[in-house]
Amino acid sequence: MLRFVDILLIIVSVVLITLVVVQSSKDDAANAFSGEKSELFSHQKERGFELFMSRATLTTSVLFIAIAIWAMI
């Protein structure tokens, strides 16, 4: 029988997987296959939706770790 903590961990893990999959890649797919690396936008700050997704992923991952530790107790 699943406990409340286990169900919560499953829900948070599905949300975390979804956030990681939805995030845009930092590298261009063409550069990955050609071996070239464009440095033009490498130091650009995240803004708008990218910043929100980055913070949401970080928050969800910390929550996932905390719930996983709580489930072991």
Protein backbone atom coordinates (compact mmCIF):
# COMPACT_ATOMS: atom_id res chain seq x y z
CA MET A 1 0.00 0.00 0.00
CA LEU A 2 1.34 3.38 -0.98
CA ARG A 3 1.88 5.95 1.71
CA PHE A 4 1.17 9.66 1.26
CA VAL A 5 4.90 10.37 0.97
CA ASP A 6 5.27 7.84 -1.85
CA ILE A 7 2.39 9.35 -3.81
CA LEU A 8 3.80 12.84 -3.29
CA LEU A 9 7.22 11.67 -4.48
CA ILE A 10 5.69 10.17 -7.63
CA ILE A 11 3.82 13.40 -8.40
CA VAL A 12 6.90 15.59 -7.85
CA SER A 13 9.06 13.27 -9.96
CA VAL A 14 6.60 13.45 -12.89
CA VAL A 15 6.54 17.26 -12.62
CA LEU A 16 10.36 17.36 -12.51
CA ILE A 17 10.68 15.11 -15.57
CA THR A 18 8.18 17.29 -17.44
CA LEU A 19 10.05 20.49 -16.56
CA VAL A 20 13.37 19.05 -17.71
CA VAL A 21 11.91 17.83 -21.01
CA VAL A 22 10.16 21.14 -21.73
CA GLN A 23 13.27 23.27 -21.16
CA SER A 24 15.01 24.50 -24.26
CA SER A 25 18.49 23.26 -24.96
CA LYS A 26 21.44 25.60 -24.46
CA ASP A 27 23.20 24.21 -27.54
CA ASP A 28 21.95 24.26 -31.07
CA ALA A 29 21.36 20.80 -32.54
CA ALA A 30 23.34 21.67 -35.67
CA ASN A 31 26.36 22.64 -33.56
CA ALA A 32 26.18 19.35 -31.69
CA PHE A 33 26.59 17.35 -34.89
CA SER A 34 29.09 19.62 -36.64
CA GLY A 35 31.33 20.03 -33.61
CA GLU A 36 31.23 23.81 -33.80
CA LYS A 37 30.47 25.81 -30.70
CA SER A 38 28.94 29.25 -31.00
CA GLU A 39 30.14 31.55 -28.22
CA LEU A 40 27.94 34.44 -29.30
CA PHE A 41 25.13 33.88 -26.80
CA SER A 42 27.01 31.86 -24.19
CA HIS A 43 27.10 34.67 -21.62
CA GLN A 44 23.55 35.90 -22.14
CA LYS A 45 21.35 35.96 -19.04
CA GLU A 46 18.17 33.96 -18.88
CA ARG A 47 15.04 36.08 -19.13
CA GLY A 48 11.32 35.61 -19.15
CA PHE A 49 10.11 32.07 -19.69
CA GLU A 50 13.63 30.57 -19.61
CA LEU A 51 14.28 32.12 -16.19
CA PHE A 52 10.94 30.86 -14.89
CA MET A 53 11.62 27.33 -16.16
CA SER A 54 15.11 27.32 -14.67
CA ARG A 55 13.85 28.43 -11.26
CA ALA A 56 10.90 26.03 -11.36
CA THR A 57 13.22 23.13 -12.17
CA LEU A 58 15.60 24.08 -9.37
CA THR A 59 12.76 24.41 -6.86
CA THR A 60 11.17 21.13 -7.92
CA SER A 61 14.49 19.28 -7.72
CA VAL A 62 15.13 20.57 -4.20
CA LEU A 63 11.59 19.55 -3.23
CA PHE A 64 12.17 16.11 -4.77
CA ILE A 65 15.36 15.61 -2.73
CA ALA A 66 13.65 16.76 0.47
CA ILE A 67 10.71 14.41 -0.05
CA ALA A 68 13.04 11.50 -0.91
CA ILE A 69 14.94 12.06 2.36
CA TRP A 70 11.63 12.33 4.23
CA ALA A 71 10.44 9.05 2.66
CA MET A 72 13.52 7.23 3.97
CA ILE A 73 12.80 8.23 7.56
